[in-house]
Amino acid sequence: MFLLNLQSKIPIYEQIQSQILRFIEAGVLKTGDRLPSVRQLAVDNGINPNTVARAYAQLEADGYVYNLPKKGVYIAEIDSVSSRETQLMQAIKPLVSAGYTKKELIDAVEKLFEEVE
């Protein structure tokens, strides 16, 4: 279900978060769907369970999932506008971390829209 790039500069927990958000946006995951357990997702992908727990904790803090103790982690009811904004933020964060300026990002977005139009 998850395709993680262990060689990427993007932290694995952020990759998990962004993939879950994309699955929600695409309708693959719907409100009330259960996510894989922390342990199962870690074993399936050969990663540390703490990494998965961190991703789930951040998604819960952002309101995308909720945790039922001893039952699992489930997709919460999500406002689609908020979800789109979060996806944009997840896409932009690595660029800002890489040192791109606000002006460079704005110029790139404007150029992209000029090409599309």
N, C-alpha and C. Protein backbone atom coordinates (compact mmCIF):
# COMPACT_ATOMS: atom_id res chain seq x y z
N MET A 1 0.82 -1.19 0.00
CA MET A 1 0.00 0.00 0.00
C MET A 1 0.87 1.26 0.00
N PHE A 2 1.94 1.26 0.78
CA PHE A 2 2.81 2.43 0.87
C PHE A 2 4.09 2.20 0.08
N LEU A 3 4.50 3.22 -0.66
CA LEU A 3 5.76 3.18 -1.39
C LEU A 3 6.69 4.21 -0.76
N LEU A 4 7.62 3.73 0.04
CA LEU A 4 8.52 4.62 0.75
C LEU A 4 9.89 4.58 0.11
N ASN A 5 10.48 5.75 -0.07
CA ASN A 5 11.83 5.85 -0.61
C ASN A 5 12.78 6.08 0.56
N LEU A 6 13.46 5.02 0.95
CA LEU A 6 14.34 5.10 2.11
C LEU A 6 15.60 5.92 1.82
N GLN A 7 15.88 6.20 0.55
CA GLN A 7 17.05 7.00 0.17
C GLN A 7 16.72 8.48 0.03
N SER A 8 15.44 8.83 0.12
CA SER A 8 14.99 10.21 -0.08
C SER A 8 15.45 11.11 1.06
N LYS A 9 15.59 12.40 0.76
CA LYS A 9 15.91 13.37 1.80
C LYS A 9 14.67 13.72 2.61
N ILE A 10 13.50 13.36 2.09
CA ILE A 10 12.25 13.59 2.81
C ILE A 10 12.13 12.52 3.90
N PRO A 11 11.96 12.94 5.15
CA PRO A 11 11.86 11.94 6.23
C PRO A 11 10.74 10.93 5.98
N ILE A 12 10.97 9.71 6.40
CA ILE A 12 10.02 8.63 6.16
C ILE A 12 8.65 8.95 6.77
N TYR A 13 8.63 9.53 7.97
CA TYR A 13 7.34 9.82 8.59
C TYR A 13 6.55 10.83 7.75
N GLU A 14 7.25 11.77 7.09
CA GLU A 14 6.56 12.72 6.23
C GLU A 14 6.06 12.04 4.96
N GLN A 15 6.81 11.06 4.46
CA GLN A 15 6.36 10.31 3.29
C GLN A 15 5.08 9.55 3.62
N ILE A 16 5.02 8.95 4.81
CA ILE A 16 3.83 8.22 5.23
C ILE A 16 2.65 9.18 5.33
N GLN A 17 2.87 10.32 5.97
CA GLN A 17 1.79 11.31 6.11
C GLN A 17 1.26 11.75 4.76
N SER A 18 2.16 12.11 3.86
CA SER A 18 1.71 12.63 2.57
C SER A 18 1.00 11.56 1.75
N GLN A 19 1.44 10.32 1.86
CA GLN A 19 0.75 9.25 1.13
C GLN A 19 -0.64 9.01 1.69
N ILE A 20 -0.78 9.04 2.99
CA ILE A 20 -2.11 8.88 3.59
C ILE A 20 -3.02 10.01 3.15
N LEU A 21 -2.50 11.24 3.14
CA LEU A 21 -3.30 12.38 2.69
C LEU A 21 -3.69 12.24 1.22
N ARG A 22 -2.77 11.76 0.40
CA ARG A 22 -3.09 11.54 -1.02
C ARG A 22 -4.16 10.46 -1.17
N PHE A 23 -4.06 9.39 -0.38
CA PHE A 23 -5.06 8.33 -0.43
C PHE A 23 -6.44 8.86 -0.03
N ILE A 24 -6.47 9.73 0.96
CA ILE A 24 -7.73 10.33 1.39
C ILE A 24 -8.29 11.20 0.27
N GLU A 25 -7.45 12.05 -0.31
CA GLU A 25 -7.87 12.96 -1.38
C GLU A 25 -8.39 12.18 -2.59
N ALA A 26 -7.74 11.06 -2.90
CA ALA A 26 -8.13 10.25 -4.06
C ALA A 26 -9.35 9.37 -3.78
N GLY A 27 -9.76 9.30 -2.52
CA GLY A 27 -10.92 8.47 -2.18
C GLY A 27 -10.56 7.02 -1.90
N VAL A 28 -9.28 6.70 -1.89
CA VAL A 28 -8.85 5.33 -1.57
C VAL A 28 -9.13 5.04 -0.10
N LEU A 29 -8.88 6.03 0.74
CA LEU A 29 -9.20 5.94 2.16
C LEU A 29 -10.37 6.86 2.45
N LYS A 30 -11.37 6.34 3.12
CA LYS A 30 -12.57 7.12 3.43
C LYS A 30 -12.76 7.21 4.95
N THR A 31 -13.61 8.13 5.35
CA THR A 31 -13.92 8.30 6.77
C THR A 31 -14.29 6.96 7.38
N GLY A 32 -13.64 6.64 8.50
CA GLY A 32 -13.93 5.39 9.21
C GLY A 32 -13.05 4.22 8.80
N ASP A 33 -12.29 4.34 7.72
CA ASP A 33 -11.39 3.26 7.32
C ASP A 33 -10.27 3.12 8.33
N ARG A 34 -9.90 1.88 8.58
CA ARG A 34 -8.83 1.60 9.54
C ARG A 34 -7.49 1.56 8.82
N LEU A 35 -6.51 2.23 9.40
CA LEU A 35 -5.15 2.19 8.87
C LEU A 35 -4.43 0.96 9.41
N PRO A 36 -3.37 0.53 8.72
CA PRO A 36 -2.60 -0.60 9.25
C PRO A 36 -2.05 -0.24 10.64
N SER A 37 -1.88 -1.24 11.47
CA SER A 37 -1.31 -0.98 12.79
C SER A 37 0.11 -0.45 12.63
N VAL A 38 0.57 0.24 13.65
CA VAL A 38 1.94 0.77 13.64
C VAL A 38 2.92 -0.36 13.39
N ARG A 39 2.76 -1.43 14.12
CA ARG A 39 3.68 -2.56 14.01
C ARG A 39 3.63 -3.18 12.61
N GLN A 40 2.43 -3.37 12.07
CA GLN A 40 2.29 -4.00 10.77
C GLN A 40 2.90 -3.15 9.66
N LEU A 41 2.63 -1.84 9.69
CA LEU A 41 3.19 -0.95 8.67
C LEU A 41 4.71 -0.91 8.76
N ALA A 42 5.24 -0.93 9.98
CA ALA A 42 6.69 -0.92 10.17
C ALA A 42 7.32 -2.21 9.62
N VAL A 43 6.73 -3.35 9.95
CA VAL A 43 7.26 -4.64 9.49
C VAL A 43 7.17 -4.73 7.97
N ASP A 44 6.04 -4.34 7.40
CA ASP A 44 5.85 -4.42 5.95
C ASP A 44 6.87 -3.58 5.18
N ASN A 45 7.30 -2.49 5.76
CA ASN A 45 8.20 -1.57 5.07
C ASN A 45 9.64 -1.58 5.61
N GLY A 46 9.90 -2.42 6.60
CA GLY A 46 11.24 -2.53 7.16
C GLY A 46 11.72 -1.24 7.81
N ILE A 47 10.81 -0.59 8.53
CA ILE A 47 11.17 0.67 9.20
C ILE A 47 10.88 0.55 10.70
N ASN A 48 11.36 1.51 11.44
CA ASN A 48 11.18 1.53 12.88
C ASN A 48 9.72 1.88 13.22
N PRO A 49 9.10 1.14 14.14
CA PRO A 49 7.72 1.46 14.54
C PRO A 49 7.55 2.88 15.06
N ASN A 50 8.60 3.45 15.67
CA ASN A 50 8.51 4.82 16.17
C ASN A 50 8.28 5.82 15.03
N THR A 51 8.81 5.50 13.84
CA THR A 51 8.63 6.36 12.67
C THR A 51 7.16 6.38 12.27
N VAL A 52 6.54 5.21 12.25
CA VAL A 52 5.12 5.11 11.91
C VAL A 52 4.29 5.81 12.97
N ALA A 53 4.63 5.58 14.23
CA ALA A 53 3.89 6.21 15.33
C ALA A 53 3.98 7.72 15.23
N ARG A 54 5.13 8.24 14.85
CA ARG A 54 5.29 9.69 14.70
C ARG A 54 4.39 10.22 13.59
N ALA A 55 4.34 9.52 12.47
CA ALA A 55 3.48 9.93 11.36
C ALA A 55 2.01 9.92 11.78
N TYR A 56 1.58 8.85 12.44
CA TYR A 56 0.20 8.75 12.89
C TYR A 56 -0.13 9.83 13.92
N ALA A 57 0.82 10.09 14.83
CA ALA A 57 0.59 11.11 15.87
C ALA A 57 0.40 12.49 15.24
N GLN A 58 1.20 12.79 14.23
CA GLN A 58 1.07 14.09 13.57
C GLN A 58 -0.25 14.18 12.80
N LEU A 59 -0.63 13.10 12.14
CA LEU A 59 -1.91 13.08 11.42
C LEU A 59 -3.07 13.25 12.40
N GLU A 60 -2.93 12.65 13.58
CA GLU A 60 -3.97 12.79 14.60
C GLU A 60 -4.02 14.23 15.11
N ALA A 61 -2.85 14.81 15.35
CA ALA A 61 -2.80 16.20 15.82
C ALA A 61 -3.40 17.16 14.79
N ASP A 62 -3.26 16.82 13.51
CA ASP A 62 -3.81 17.65 12.44
C ASP A 62 -5.29 17.35 12.16
N GLY A 63 -5.83 16.32 12.83
CA GLY A 63 -7.25 16.02 12.70
C GLY A 63 -7.62 15.10 11.55
N TYR A 64 -6.65 14.42 10.95
CA TYR A 64 -6.94 13.54 9.81
C TYR A 64 -7.28 12.12 10.23
N VAL A 65 -6.80 11.73 11.40
CA VAL A 65 -7.09 10.39 11.91
C VAL A 65 -7.45 10.49 13.39
N TYR A 66 -8.03 9.44 13.90
CA TYR A 66 -8.27 9.36 15.33
C TYR A 66 -7.89 7.96 15.79
N ASN A 67 -7.48 7.87 17.05
CA ASN A 67 -6.99 6.62 17.60
C ASN A 67 -7.98 6.10 18.62
N LEU A 68 -8.37 4.86 18.46
CA LEU A 68 -9.18 4.17 19.46
C LEU A 68 -8.26 3.16 20.14
N PRO A 69 -7.91 3.40 21.40
CA PRO A 69 -6.99 2.49 22.08
C PRO A 69 -7.44 1.03 21.97
N LYS A 70 -6.49 0.18 21.66
CA LYS A 70 -6.68 -1.27 21.51
C LYS A 70 -7.51 -1.63 20.28
N LYS A 71 -7.95 -0.64 19.52
CA LYS A 71 -8.78 -0.89 18.32
C LYS A 71 -8.05 -0.51 17.04
N GLY A 72 -7.30 0.60 17.07
CA GLY A 72 -6.56 1.02 15.88
C GLY A 72 -6.71 2.49 15.58
N VAL A 73 -6.15 2.86 14.43
CA VAL A 73 -6.18 4.24 13.96
C VAL A 73 -7.11 4.29 12.76
N TYR A 74 -8.02 5.27 12.77
CA TYR A 74 -9.05 5.37 11.74
C TYR A 74 -9.04 6.76 11.09
N ILE A 75 -9.51 6.81 9.86
CA ILE A 75 -9.61 8.07 9.13
C ILE A 75 -10.76 8.88 9.71
N ALA A 76 -10.47 10.13 10.03
CA ALA A 76 -11.48 11.03 10.58
C ALA A 76 -12.27 11.69 9.44
N GLU A 77 -13.38 12.31 9.78
CA GLU A 77 -14.12 13.08 8.80
C GLU A 77 -13.32 14.35 8.52
N ILE A 78 -13.05 14.59 7.26
CA ILE A 78 -12.11 15.64 6.89
C ILE A 78 -12.76 16.67 5.98
N ASP A 79 -12.45 17.92 6.24
CA ASP A 79 -12.84 19.03 5.38
C ASP A 79 -11.90 19.01 4.18
N SER A 80 -12.42 18.86 2.95
CA SER A 80 -11.57 18.71 1.77
C SER A 80 -10.72 19.95 1.50
N VAL A 81 -11.20 21.13 1.85
CA VAL A 81 -10.41 22.35 1.65
C VAL A 81 -9.17 22.30 2.53
N SER A 82 -9.34 21.90 3.79
CA SER A 82 -8.22 21.80 4.72
C SER A 82 -7.22 20.74 4.24
N SER A 83 -7.73 19.64 3.69
CA SER A 83 -6.87 18.57 3.20
C SER A 83 -6.01 19.05 2.04
N ARG A 84 -6.58 19.81 1.14
CA ARG A 84 -5.83 20.33 -0.01
C ARG A 84 -4.74 21.29 0.46
N GLU A 85 -5.07 22.12 1.43
CA GLU A 85 -4.09 23.06 1.96
C GLU A 85 -2.92 22.31 2.61
N THR A 86 -3.23 21.27 3.35
CA THR A 86 -2.18 20.48 3.99
C THR A 86 -1.29 19.81 2.96
N GLN A 87 -1.89 19.32 1.88
CA GLN A 87 -1.10 18.70 0.83
C GLN A 87 -0.13 19.71 0.21
N LEU A 88 -0.62 20.92 -0.02
CA LEU A 88 0.25 21.96 -0.56
C LEU A 88 1.40 22.25 0.40
N MET A 89 1.07 22.35 1.68
CA MET A 89 2.10 22.63 2.67
C MET A 89 3.14 21.51 2.70
N GLN A 90 2.69 20.28 2.60
CA GLN A 90 3.61 19.13 2.60
C GLN A 90 4.51 19.16 1.38
N ALA A 91 4.00 19.65 0.25
CA ALA A 91 4.80 19.73 -0.96
C ALA A 91 5.81 20.87 -0.89
N ILE A 92 5.44 21.96 -0.25
CA ILE A 92 6.29 23.15 -0.20
C ILE A 92 7.36 23.06 0.89
N LYS A 93 7.05 22.41 2.01
CA LYS A 93 8.00 22.35 3.13
C LYS A 93 9.40 21.90 2.73
N PRO A 94 9.53 20.80 1.97
CA PRO A 94 10.89 20.38 1.60
C PRO A 94 11.63 21.42 0.76
N LEU A 95 10.89 22.17 -0.06
CA LEU A 95 11.52 23.21 -0.88
C LEU A 95 12.05 24.35 -0.01
N VAL A 96 11.25 24.73 0.98
CA VAL A 96 11.68 25.78 1.90
C VAL A 96 12.90 25.29 2.70
N SER A 97 12.83 24.04 3.14
CA SER A 97 13.96 23.47 3.89
C SER A 97 15.22 23.40 3.04
N ALA A 98 15.04 23.24 1.72
CA ALA A 98 16.19 23.16 0.81
C ALA A 98 16.76 24.54 0.50
N GLY A 99 16.10 25.60 0.99
CA GLY A 99 16.66 26.93 0.85
C GLY A 99 16.01 27.82 -0.20
N TYR A 100 14.93 27.35 -0.82
CA TYR A 100 14.24 28.19 -1.80
C TYR A 100 13.58 29.36 -1.07
N THR A 101 13.63 30.52 -1.70
CA THR A 101 13.02 31.71 -1.10
C THR A 101 11.55 31.79 -1.49
N LYS A 102 10.84 32.63 -0.77
CA LYS A 102 9.43 32.86 -1.06
C LYS A 102 9.26 33.36 -2.50
N LYS A 103 10.11 34.28 -2.91
CA LYS A 103 10.04 34.85 -4.25
C LYS A 103 10.29 33.77 -5.30
N GLU A 104 11.28 32.91 -5.09
CA GLU A 104 11.56 31.83 -6.04
C GLU A 104 10.36 30.90 -6.19
N LEU A 105 9.73 30.57 -5.08
CA LEU A 105 8.57 29.68 -5.14
C LEU A 105 7.39 30.35 -5.85
N ILE A 106 7.14 31.61 -5.55
CA ILE A 106 6.05 32.34 -6.19
C ILE A 106 6.31 32.45 -7.69
N ASP A 107 7.54 32.78 -8.07
CA ASP A 107 7.89 32.89 -9.49
C ASP A 107 7.68 31.55 -10.21
N ALA A 108 8.07 30.47 -9.55
CA ALA A 108 7.92 29.14 -10.15
C ALA A 108 6.45 28.79 -10.35
N VAL A 109 5.62 29.11 -9.36
CA VAL A 109 4.19 28.83 -9.46
C VAL A 109 3.57 29.66 -10.58
N GLU A 110 3.93 30.93 -10.65
CA GLU A 110 3.40 31.79 -11.71
C GLU A 110 3.81 31.27 -13.08
N LYS A 111 5.05 30.85 -13.23
CA LYS A 111 5.53 30.31 -14.50
C LYS A 111 4.78 29.04 -14.87
N LEU A 112 4.55 28.19 -13.89
CA LEU A 112 3.80 26.95 -14.12
C LEU A 112 2.39 27.26 -14.64
N PHE A 113 1.72 28.21 -14.02
CA PHE A 113 0.37 28.54 -14.45
C PHE A 113 0.36 29.20 -15.83
N GLU A 114 1.39 29.94 -16.16
CA GLU A 114 1.50 30.52 -17.50
C GLU A 114 1.62 29.42 -18.54
N GLU A 115 2.39 28.38 -18.23
CA GLU A 115 2.57 27.26 -19.15
C GLU A 115 1.27 26.47 -19.33
N VAL A 116 0.51 26.32 -18.25
CA VAL A 116 -0.74 25.57 -18.30
C VAL A 116 -1.80 26.32 -19.09
N GLU A 117 -1.84 27.63 -18.92
CA GLU A 117 -2.85 28.43 -19.60
C GLU A 117 -2.45 28.60 -21.02
